[in-house]
Amino acid sequence: KDVHTDDLIICSELSRLGRSLFMIMNILAHCLSMGVKI
């Protein structure tokens, strides 16, 4: 909710974002729509 365009989130692997593919895809789609890089 706090990130802005051109912010960058770095994590060790995608599985850290969520356990299900559906959840990870929603997170990535949300970030890409806001211009946030992962």
PDB file of all heavy atoms in Angstrom:
ATOM      1  N   LYS A   1       0.831  -1.210   0.000  1.00  0.00           N
ATOM      2  CA  LYS A   1       0.000   0.000   0.000  1.00  0.00           C
ATOM      3  C   LYS A   1       0.867   1.263   0.000  1.00  0.00           C
ATOM      4  O   LYS A   1       0.422   2.324  -0.425  1.00  0.00           O
ATOM      5  CB  LYS A   1      -0.919   0.017   1.222  1.00  0.00           C
ATOM      6  CG  LYS A   1      -2.034  -1.005   1.134  1.00  0.00           C
ATOM      7  CD  LYS A   1      -2.899  -0.970   2.375  1.00  0.00           C
ATOM      8  CE  LYS A   1      -3.972  -2.039   2.300  1.00  0.00           C
ATOM      9  NZ  LYS A   1      -4.733  -2.163   3.537  1.00  0.00           N
ATOM     10  N   ASP A   2       2.113   1.145   0.495  1.00  0.00           N
ATOM     11  CA  ASP A   2       2.990   2.312   0.636  1.00  0.00           C
ATOM     12  C   ASP A   2       3.907   2.555  -0.554  1.00  0.00           C
ATOM     13  O   ASP A   2       4.459   3.644  -0.684  1.00  0.00           O
ATOM     14  CB  ASP A   2       3.861   2.176   1.899  1.00  0.00           C
ATOM     15  CG  ASP A   2       3.046   2.282   3.175  1.00  0.00           C
ATOM     16  OD1 ASP A   2       1.910   2.789   3.104  1.00  0.00           O
ATOM     17  OD2 ASP A   2       3.539   1.857   4.232  1.00  0.00           O
ATOM     18  N   VAL A   3       4.127   1.550  -1.394  1.00  0.00           N
ATOM     19  CA  VAL A   3       5.107   1.698  -2.475  1.00  0.00           C
ATOM     20  C   VAL A   3       4.604   2.645  -3.560  1.00  0.00           C
ATOM     21  O   VAL A   3       3.399   2.847  -3.727  1.00  0.00           O
ATOM     22  CB  VAL A   3       5.475   0.325  -3.098  1.00  0.00           C
ATOM     23  CG1 VAL A   3       6.299  -0.499  -2.142  1.00  0.00           C
ATOM     24  CG2 VAL A   3       4.242  -0.423  -3.556  1.00  0.00           C
ATOM     25  N   HIS A   4       5.557   3.218  -4.282  1.00  0.00           N
ATOM     26  CA  HIS A   4       5.259   4.159  -5.359  1.00  0.00           C
ATOM     27  C   HIS A   4       5.994   3.725  -6.634  1.00  0.00           C
ATOM     28  O   HIS A   4       6.877   2.874  -6.598  1.00  0.00           O
ATOM     29  CB  HIS A   4       5.705   5.570  -4.973  1.00  0.00           C
ATOM     30  CG  HIS A   4       5.018   6.088  -3.754  1.00  0.00           C
ATOM     31  ND1 HIS A   4       5.524   5.931  -2.491  1.00  0.00           N
ATOM     32  CD2 HIS A   4       3.837   6.737  -3.607  1.00  0.00           C
ATOM     33  CE1 HIS A   4       4.700   6.473  -1.614  1.00  0.00           C
ATOM     34  NE2 HIS A   4       3.659   6.964  -2.257  1.00  0.00           N
ATOM     35  N   THR A   5       5.649   4.375  -7.727  1.00  0.00           N
ATOM     36  CA  THR A   5       6.297   4.106  -9.006  1.00  0.00           C
ATOM     37  C   THR A   5       7.813   4.219  -8.857  1.00  0.00           C
ATOM     38  O   THR A   5       8.312   5.126  -8.193  1.00  0.00           O
ATOM     39  CB  THR A   5       5.798   5.107 -10.071  1.00  0.00           C
ATOM     40  OG1 THR A   5       4.381   4.984 -10.160  1.00  0.00           O
ATOM     41  CG2 THR A   5       6.404   4.826 -11.426  1.00  0.00           C
ATOM     42  N   ASP A   6       8.518   3.293  -9.482  1.00  0.00           N
ATOM     43  CA  ASP A   6       9.989   3.206  -9.494  1.00  0.00           C
ATOM     44  C   ASP A   6      10.593   2.704  -8.188  1.00  0.00           C
ATOM     45  O   ASP A   6      11.814   2.627  -8.064  1.00  0.00           O
ATOM     46  CB  ASP A   6      10.643   4.542  -9.878  1.00  0.00           C
ATOM     47  CG  ASP A   6      10.345   4.901 -11.326  1.00  0.00           C
ATOM     48  OD1 ASP A   6      10.216   3.981 -12.156  1.00  0.00           O
ATOM     49  OD2 ASP A   6      10.229   6.110 -11.615  1.00  0.00           O
ATOM     50  N   ASP A   7       9.775   2.366  -7.190  1.00  0.00           N
ATOM     51  CA  ASP A   7      10.321   1.708  -6.001  1.00  0.00           C
ATOM     52  C   ASP A   7      10.765   0.305  -6.393  1.00  0.00           C
ATOM     53  O   ASP A   7      10.277  -0.266  -7.373  1.00  0.00           O
ATOM     54  CB  ASP A   7       9.275   1.634  -4.887  1.00  0.00           C
ATOM     55  CG  ASP A   7       9.080   2.968  -4.173  1.00  0.00           C
ATOM     56  OD1 ASP A   7       9.876   3.900  -4.413  1.00  0.00           O
ATOM     57  OD2 ASP A   7       8.137   3.076  -3.382  1.00  0.00           O
ATOM     58  N   LEU A   8      11.684  -0.245  -5.613  1.00  0.00           N
ATOM     59  CA  LEU A   8      12.223  -1.577  -5.883  1.00  0.00           C
ATOM     60  C   LEU A   8      12.116  -2.423  -4.617  1.00  0.00           C
ATOM     61  O   LEU A   8      12.508  -1.980  -3.537  1.00  0.00           O
ATOM     62  CB  LEU A   8      13.690  -1.474  -6.326  1.00  0.00           C
ATOM     63  CG  LEU A   8      14.495  -2.764  -6.436  1.00  0.00           C
ATOM     64  CD1 LEU A   8      13.894  -3.713  -7.474  1.00  0.00           C
ATOM     65  CD2 LEU A   8      15.949  -2.464  -6.769  1.00  0.00           C
ATOM     66  N   ILE A   9      11.551  -3.617  -4.772  1.00  0.00           N
ATOM     67  CA  ILE A   9      11.495  -4.589  -3.672  1.00  0.00           C
ATOM     68  C   ILE A   9      12.425  -5.731  -4.037  1.00  0.00           C
ATOM     69  O   ILE A   9      12.278  -6.351  -5.099  1.00  0.00           O
ATOM     70  CB  ILE A   9      10.063  -5.116  -3.454  1.00  0.00           C
ATOM     71  CG1 ILE A   9       9.108  -3.972  -3.118  1.00  0.00           C
ATOM     72  CG2 ILE A   9      10.045  -6.171  -2.349  1.00  0.00           C
ATOM     73  CD1 ILE A   9       7.636  -4.371  -3.085  1.00  0.00           C
ATOM     74  N   ILE A  10      13.372  -6.018  -3.160  1.00  0.00           N
ATOM     75  CA  ILE A  10      14.311  -7.118  -3.391  1.00  0.00           C
ATOM     76  C   ILE A  10      14.035  -8.192  -2.350  1.00  0.00           C
ATOM     77  O   ILE A  10      13.963  -7.921  -1.148  1.00  0.00           O
ATOM     78  CB  ILE A  10      15.777  -6.650  -3.269  1.00  0.00           C
ATOM     79  CG1 ILE A  10      16.062  -5.540  -4.288  1.00  0.00           C
ATOM     80  CG2 ILE A  10      16.738  -7.815  -3.479  1.00  0.00           C
ATOM     81  CD1 ILE A  10      17.444  -4.927  -4.170  1.00  0.00           C
ATOM     82  N   CYS A  11      13.855  -9.436  -2.809  1.00  0.00           N
ATOM     83  CA  CYS A  11      13.679 -10.560  -1.883  1.00  0.00           C
ATOM     84  C   CYS A  11      14.510 -11.735  -2.395  1.00  0.00           C
ATOM     85  O   CYS A  11      14.973 -11.732  -3.536  1.00  0.00           O
ATOM     86  CB  CYS A  11      12.213 -10.932  -1.719  1.00  0.00           C
ATOM     87  SG  CYS A  11      11.365 -11.363  -3.225  1.00  0.00           S
ATOM     88  N   SER A  12      14.709 -12.721  -1.555  1.00  0.00           N
ATOM     89  CA  SER A  12      15.591 -13.828  -1.929  1.00  0.00           C
ATOM     90  C   SER A  12      14.990 -14.694  -3.031  1.00  0.00           C
ATOM     91  O   SER A  12      15.694 -15.147  -3.923  1.00  0.00           O
ATOM     92  CB  SER A  12      15.945 -14.674  -0.702  1.00  0.00           C
ATOM     93  OG  SER A  12      14.781 -15.271  -0.173  1.00  0.00           O
ATOM     94  N   GLU A  13      13.664 -14.922  -2.985  1.00  0.00           N
ATOM     95  CA  GLU A  13      13.001 -15.716  -4.019  1.00  0.00           C
ATOM     96  C   GLU A  13      11.507 -15.426  -4.018  1.00  0.00           C
ATOM     97  O   GLU A  13      10.967 -14.911  -3.049  1.00  0.00           O
ATOM     98  CB  GLU A  13      13.266 -17.205  -3.814  1.00  0.00           C
ATOM     99  CG  GLU A  13      12.873 -17.719  -2.450  1.00  0.00           C
ATOM    100  CD  GLU A  13      13.350 -19.144  -2.201  1.00  0.00           C
ATOM    101  OE1 GLU A  13      13.144 -19.993  -3.083  1.00  0.00           O
ATOM    102  OE2 GLU A  13      13.922 -19.383  -1.131  1.00  0.00           O
ATOM    103  N   LEU A  14      10.836 -15.773  -5.120  1.00  0.00           N
ATOM    104  CA  LEU A  14       9.407 -15.485  -5.249  1.00  0.00           C
ATOM    105  C   LEU A  14       8.574 -16.143  -4.158  1.00  0.00           C
ATOM    106  O   LEU A  14       7.565 -15.589  -3.735  1.00  0.00           O
ATOM    107  CB  LEU A  14       8.892 -15.949  -6.622  1.00  0.00           C
ATOM    108  CG  LEU A  14       9.149 -15.021  -7.797  1.00  0.00           C
ATOM    109  CD1 LEU A  14       8.596 -15.623  -9.080  1.00  0.00           C
ATOM    110  CD2 LEU A  14       8.566 -13.641  -7.575  1.00  0.00           C
ATOM    111  N   SER A  15       8.988 -17.307  -3.688  1.00  0.00           N
ATOM    112  CA  SER A  15       8.204 -18.026  -2.679  1.00  0.00           C
ATOM    113  C   SER A  15       8.111 -17.254  -1.364  1.00  0.00           C
ATOM    114  O   SER A  15       7.265 -17.546  -0.529  1.00  0.00           O
ATOM    115  CB  SER A  15       8.784 -19.411  -2.424  1.00  0.00           C
ATOM    116  OG  SER A  15      10.050 -19.302  -1.809  1.00  0.00           O
ATOM    117  N   ARG A  16       8.986 -16.265  -1.160  1.00  0.00           N
ATOM    118  CA  ARG A  16       8.914 -15.439   0.052  1.00  0.00           C
ATOM    119  C   ARG A  16       7.695 -14.526   0.014  1.00  0.00           C
ATOM    120  O   ARG A  16       7.201 -14.095   1.041  1.00  0.00           O
ATOM    121  CB  ARG A  16      10.177 -14.588   0.234  1.00  0.00           C
ATOM    122  CG  ARG A  16      11.468 -15.374   0.406  1.00  0.00           C
ATOM    123  CD  ARG A  16      11.473 -16.277   1.618  1.00  0.00           C
ATOM    124  NE  ARG A  16      10.929 -17.591   1.333  1.00  0.00           N
ATOM    125  CZ  ARG A  16      10.357 -18.385   2.210  1.00  0.00           C
ATOM    126  NH1 ARG A  16      10.200 -18.022   3.451  1.00  0.00           N
ATOM    127  NH2 ARG A  16       9.908 -19.569   1.881  1.00  0.00           N
ATOM    128  N   LEU A  17       7.201 -14.220  -1.200  1.00  0.00           N
ATOM    129  CA  LEU A  17       6.035 -13.339  -1.323  1.00  0.00           C
ATOM    130  C   LEU A  17       4.753 -14.053  -0.928  1.00  0.00           C
ATOM    131  O   LEU A  17       3.836 -13.447  -0.394  1.00  0.00           O
ATOM    132  CB  LEU A  17       5.913 -12.814  -2.759  1.00  0.00           C
ATOM    133  CG  LEU A  17       7.089 -11.990  -3.280  1.00  0.00           C
ATOM    134  CD1 LEU A  17       6.872 -11.628  -4.737  1.00  0.00           C
ATOM    135  CD2 LEU A  17       7.298 -10.739  -2.437  1.00  0.00           C
ATOM    136  N   GLY A  18       4.659 -15.343  -1.226  1.00  0.00           N
ATOM    137  CA  GLY A  18       3.458 -16.099  -0.904  1.00  0.00           C
ATOM    138  C   GLY A  18       3.648 -17.568  -1.201  1.00  0.00           C
ATOM    139  O   GLY A  18       4.597 -17.946  -1.886  1.00  0.00           O
ATOM    140  N   ARG A  19       2.730 -18.390  -0.695  1.00  0.00           N
ATOM    141  CA  ARG A  19       2.868 -19.833  -0.871  1.00  0.00           C
ATOM    142  C   ARG A  19       2.126 -20.353  -2.097  1.00  0.00           C
ATOM    143  O   ARG A  19       2.449 -21.403  -2.615  1.00  0.00           O
ATOM    144  CB  ARG A  19       2.362 -20.564   0.374  1.00  0.00           C
ATOM    145  CG  ARG A  19       3.186 -20.304   1.603  1.00  0.00           C
ATOM    146  CD  ARG A  19       4.589 -20.788   1.481  1.00  0.00           C
ATOM    147  NE  ARG A  19       4.635 -22.243   1.430  1.00  0.00           N
ATOM    148  CZ  ARG A  19       5.690 -22.945   1.073  1.00  0.00           C
ATOM    149  NH1 ARG A  19       6.788 -22.348   0.723  1.00  0.00           N
ATOM    150  NH2 ARG A  19       5.645 -24.250   1.065  1.00  0.00           N
ATOM    151  N   SER A  20       1.120 -19.612  -2.548  1.00  0.00           N
ATOM    152  CA  SER A  20       0.376 -20.102  -3.711  1.00  0.00           C
ATOM    153  C   SER A  20       0.723 -19.269  -4.933  1.00  0.00           C
ATOM    154  O   SER A  20       1.020 -18.078  -4.840  1.00  0.00           O
ATOM    155  CB  SER A  20      -1.133 -20.037  -3.459  1.00  0.00           C
ATOM    156  OG  SER A  20      -1.579 -18.699  -3.499  1.00  0.00           O
ATOM    157  N   LEU A  21       0.673 -19.921  -6.087  1.00  0.00           N
ATOM    158  CA  LEU A  21       0.957 -19.243  -7.338  1.00  0.00           C
ATOM    159  C   LEU A  21      -0.017 -18.092  -7.546  1.00  0.00           C
ATOM    160  O   LEU A  21       0.348 -17.014  -7.998  1.00  0.00           O
ATOM    161  CB  LEU A  21       0.866 -20.245  -8.499  1.00  0.00           C
ATOM    162  CG  LEU A  21       1.145 -19.682  -9.882  1.00  0.00           C
ATOM    163  CD1 LEU A  21       2.541 -19.117  -9.980  1.00  0.00           C
ATOM    164  CD2 LEU A  21       0.934 -20.761 -10.942  1.00  0.00           C
ATOM    165  N   PHE A  22      -1.273 -18.315  -7.184  1.00  0.00           N
ATOM    166  CA  PHE A  22      -2.314 -17.295  -7.349  1.00  0.00           C
ATOM    167  C   PHE A  22      -1.962 -16.037  -6.550  1.00  0.00           C
ATOM    168  O   PHE A  22      -2.056 -14.924  -7.056  1.00  0.00           O
ATOM    169  CB  PHE A  22      -3.662 -17.870  -6.914  1.00  0.00           C
ATOM    170  CG  PHE A  22      -4.823 -16.949  -7.133  1.00  0.00           C
ATOM    171  CD1 PHE A  22      -5.227 -16.608  -8.411  1.00  0.00           C
ATOM    172  CD2 PHE A  22      -5.512 -16.422  -6.054  1.00  0.00           C
ATOM    173  CE1 PHE A  22      -6.297 -15.757  -8.615  1.00  0.00           C
ATOM    174  CE2 PHE A  22      -6.581 -15.566  -6.248  1.00  0.00           C
ATOM    175  CZ  PHE A  22      -6.967 -15.233  -7.532  1.00  0.00           C
ATOM    176  N   MET A  23      -1.536 -16.203  -5.295  1.00  0.00           N
ATOM    177  CA  MET A  23      -1.178 -15.059  -4.461  1.00  0.00           C
ATOM    178  C   MET A  23       0.029 -14.323  -5.037  1.00  0.00           C
ATOM    179  O   MET A  23       0.034 -13.089  -5.124  1.00  0.00           O
ATOM    180  CB  MET A  23      -0.888 -15.493  -3.025  1.00  0.00           C
ATOM    181  CG  MET A  23      -0.531 -14.335  -2.103  1.00  0.00           C
ATOM    182  SD  MET A  23      -0.114 -14.859  -0.430  1.00  0.00           S
ATOM    183  CE  MET A  23      -1.732 -15.115   0.245  1.00  0.00           C
ATOM    184  N   ILE A  24       1.052 -15.074  -5.440  1.00  0.00           N
ATOM    185  CA  ILE A  24       2.260 -14.456  -5.996  1.00  0.00           C
ATOM    186  C   ILE A  24       1.916 -13.679  -7.263  1.00  0.00           C
ATOM    187  O   ILE A  24       2.370 -12.548  -7.461  1.00  0.00           O
ATOM    188  CB  ILE A  24       3.341 -15.523  -6.275  1.00  0.00           C
ATOM    189  CG1 ILE A  24       3.838 -16.114  -4.948  1.00  0.00           C
ATOM    190  CG2 ILE A  24       4.498 -14.923  -7.060  1.00  0.00           C
ATOM    191  CD1 ILE A  24       4.722 -17.332  -5.096  1.00  0.00           C
ATOM    192  N   MET A  25       1.095 -14.270  -8.131  1.00  0.00           N
ATOM    193  CA  MET A  25       0.714 -13.596  -9.372  1.00  0.00           C
ATOM    194  C   MET A  25      -0.035 -12.299  -9.073  1.00  0.00           C
ATOM    195  O   MET A  25       0.190 -11.291  -9.733  1.00  0.00           O
ATOM    196  CB  MET A  25      -0.147 -14.509 -10.243  1.00  0.00           C
ATOM    197  CG  MET A  25       0.649 -15.617 -10.887  1.00  0.00           C
ATOM    198  SD  MET A  25      -0.270 -16.539 -12.122  1.00  0.00           S
ATOM    199  CE  MET A  25      -1.789 -16.911 -11.313  1.00  0.00           C
ATOM    200  N   ASN A  26      -0.921 -12.310  -8.095  1.00  0.00           N
ATOM    201  CA  ASN A  26      -1.655 -11.089  -7.737  1.00  0.00           C
ATOM    202  C   ASN A  26      -0.714 -10.007  -7.229  1.00  0.00           C
ATOM    203  O   ASN A  26      -0.871  -8.833  -7.564  1.00  0.00           O
ATOM    204  CB  ASN A  26      -2.726 -11.390  -6.687  1.00  0.00           C
ATOM    205  CG  ASN A  26      -3.973 -11.991  -7.295  1.00  0.00           C
ATOM    206  OD1 ASN A  26      -4.273 -11.777  -8.463  1.00  0.00           O
ATOM    207  ND2 ASN A  26      -4.703 -12.751  -6.511  1.00  0.00           N
ATOM    208  N   ILE A  27       0.265 -10.400  -6.417  1.00  0.00           N
ATOM    209  CA  ILE A  27       1.235  -9.437  -5.887  1.00  0.00           C
ATOM    210  C   ILE A  27       2.055  -8.840  -7.027  1.00  0.00           C
ATOM    211  O   ILE A  27       2.231  -7.621  -7.128  1.00  0.00           O
ATOM    212  CB  ILE A  27       2.156 -10.097  -4.839  1.00  0.00           C
ATOM    213  CG1 ILE A  27       1.345 -10.440  -3.587  1.00  0.00           C
ATOM    214  CG2 ILE A  27       3.335  -9.195  -4.500  1.00  0.00           C
ATOM    215  CD1 ILE A  27       2.054 -11.351  -2.608  1.00  0.00           C
ATOM    216  N   LEU A  28       2.551  -9.706  -7.922  1.00  0.00           N
ATOM    217  CA  LEU A  28       3.364  -9.231  -9.036  1.00  0.00           C
ATOM    218  C   LEU A  28       2.554  -8.350  -9.975  1.00  0.00           C
ATOM    219  O   LEU A  28       3.028  -7.301 -10.423  1.00  0.00           O
ATOM    220  CB  LEU A  28       3.967 -10.416  -9.799  1.00  0.00           C
ATOM    221  CG  LEU A  28       4.956 -11.270  -9.004  1.00  0.00           C
ATOM    222  CD1 LEU A  28       5.427 -12.450  -9.837  1.00  0.00           C
ATOM    223  CD2 LEU A  28       6.140 -10.451  -8.539  1.00  0.00           C
ATOM    224  N   ALA A  29       1.324  -8.749 -10.272  1.00  0.00           N
ATOM    225  CA  ALA A  29       0.472  -7.948 -11.153  1.00  0.00           C
ATOM    226  C   ALA A  29       0.205  -6.576 -10.532  1.00  0.00           C
ATOM    227  O   ALA A  29       0.232  -5.552 -11.226  1.00  0.00           O
ATOM    228  CB  ALA A  29      -0.830  -8.681 -11.438  1.00  0.00           C
ATOM    229  N   HIS A  30      -0.041  -6.541  -9.210  1.00  0.00           N
ATOM    230  CA  HIS A  30      -0.272  -5.274  -8.501  1.00  0.00           C
ATOM    231  C   HIS A  30       0.962  -4.372  -8.625  1.00  0.00           C
ATOM    232  O   HIS A  30       0.842  -3.187  -8.945  1.00  0.00           O
ATOM    233  CB  HIS A  30      -0.592  -5.554  -7.031  1.00  0.00           C
ATOM    234  CG  HIS A  30      -0.629  -4.331  -6.174  1.00  0.00           C
ATOM    235  ND1 HIS A  30      -1.687  -3.450  -6.164  1.00  0.00           N
ATOM    236  CD2 HIS A  30       0.294  -3.825  -5.307  1.00  0.00           C
ATOM    237  CE1 HIS A  30      -1.426  -2.459  -5.328  1.00  0.00           C
ATOM    238  NE2 HIS A  30      -0.234  -2.672  -4.787  1.00  0.00           N
ATOM    239  N   CYS A  31       2.131  -4.942  -8.378  1.00  0.00           N
ATOM    240  CA  CYS A  31       3.364  -4.153  -8.440  1.00  0.00           C
ATOM    241  C   CYS A  31       3.627  -3.643  -9.859  1.00  0.00           C
ATOM    242  O   CYS A  31       3.985  -2.477 -10.048  1.00  0.00           O
ATOM    243  CB  CYS A  31       4.551  -4.984  -7.945  1.00  0.00           C
ATOM    244  SG  CYS A  31       4.512  -5.260  -6.159  1.00  0.00           S
ATOM    245  N   LEU A  32       3.456  -4.517 -10.841  1.00  0.00           N
ATOM    246  CA  LEU A  32       3.704  -4.099 -12.214  1.00  0.00           C
ATOM    247  C   LEU A  32       2.736  -3.010 -12.654  1.00  0.00           C
ATOM    248  O   LEU A  32       3.112  -2.089 -13.379  1.00  0.00           O
ATOM    249  CB  LEU A  32       3.622  -5.312 -13.151  1.00  0.00           C
ATOM    250  CG  LEU A  32       4.771  -6.317 -12.991  1.00  0.00           C
ATOM    251  CD1 LEU A  32       4.496  -7.576 -13.784  1.00  0.00           C
ATOM    252  CD2 LEU A  32       6.083  -5.695 -13.426  1.00  0.00           C
ATOM    253  N   SER A  33       1.484  -3.091 -12.194  1.00  0.00           N
ATOM    254  CA  SER A  33       0.500  -2.064 -12.573  1.00  0.00           C
ATOM    255  C   SER A  33       0.849  -0.710 -11.950  1.00  0.00           C
ATOM    256  O   SER A  33       0.477   0.334 -12.472  1.00  0.00           O
ATOM    257  CB  SER A  33      -0.911  -2.487 -12.159  1.00  0.00           C
ATOM    258  OG  SER A  33      -1.044  -2.443 -10.757  1.00  0.00           O
ATOM    259  N   MET A  34       1.562  -0.732 -10.813  1.00  0.00           N
ATOM    260  CA  MET A  34       1.951   0.513 -10.145  1.00  0.00           C
ATOM    261  C   MET A  34       3.337   0.996 -10.565  1.00  0.00           C
ATOM    262  O   MET A  34       3.788   2.045 -10.117  1.00  0.00           O
ATOM    263  CB  MET A  34       1.926   0.310  -8.626  1.00  0.00           C
ATOM    264  CG  MET A  34       0.546   0.087  -8.064  1.00  0.00           C
ATOM    265  SD  MET A  34       0.577   0.068  -6.266  1.00  0.00           S
ATOM    266  CE  MET A  34       1.105   1.736  -5.908  1.00  0.00           C
ATOM    267  N   GLY A  35       4.018   0.203 -11.379  1.00  0.00           N
ATOM    268  CA  GLY A  35       5.368   0.587 -11.787  1.00  0.00           C
ATOM    269  C   GLY A  35       6.413   0.292 -10.736  1.00  0.00           C
ATOM    270  O   GLY A  35       7.491   0.890 -10.707  1.00  0.00           O
ATOM    271  N   VAL A  36       6.102  -0.637  -9.836  1.00  0.00           N
ATOM    272  CA  VAL A  36       7.042  -1.051  -8.782  1.00  0.00           C
ATOM    273  C   VAL A  36       7.805  -2.266  -9.278  1.00  0.00           C
ATOM    274  O   VAL A  36       7.217  -3.202  -9.819  1.00  0.00           O
ATOM    275  CB  VAL A  36       6.281  -1.377  -7.474  1.00  0.00           C
ATOM    276  CG1 VAL A  36       7.222  -1.933  -6.426  1.00  0.00           C
ATOM    277  CG2 VAL A  36       5.556  -0.154  -6.955  1.00  0.00           C
ATOM    278  N   LYS A  37       9.122  -2.254  -9.105  1.00  0.00           N
ATOM    279  CA  LYS A  37       9.953  -3.362  -9.568  1.00  0.00           C
ATOM    280  C   LYS A  37      10.151  -4.378  -8.440  1.00  0.00           C
ATOM    281  O   LYS A  37      10.269  -3.996  -7.281  1.00  0.00           O
ATOM    282  CB  LYS A  37      11.310  -2.848 -10.045  1.00  0.00           C
ATOM    283  CG  LYS A  37      11.204  -1.949 -11.279  1.00  0.00           C
ATOM    284  CD  LYS A  37      12.520  -1.344 -11.624  1.00  0.00           C
ATOM    285  CE  LYS A  37      12.649  -0.083 -10.818  1.00  0.00           C
ATOM    286  NZ  LYS A  37      13.437   0.978 -11.268  1.00  0.00           N
ATOM    287  N   ILE A  38      10.181  -5.639  -8.816  1.00  0.00           N
ATOM    288  CA  ILE A  38      10.499  -6.711  -7.866  1.00  0.00           C
ATOM    289  C   ILE A  38      11.647  -7.518  -8.444  1.00  0.00           C
ATOM    290  O   ILE A  38      11.564  -8.003  -9.578  1.00  0.00           O
ATOM    291  CB  ILE A  38       9.296  -7.634  -7.606  1.00  0.00           C
ATOM    292  CG1 ILE A  38       8.166  -6.864  -6.925  1.00  0.00           C
ATOM    293  CG2 ILE A  38       9.710  -8.825  -6.744  1.00  0.00           C
ATOM    294  CD1 ILE A  38       6.995  -7.707  -6.496  1.00  0.00           C
TER     295      ILE A  38
END
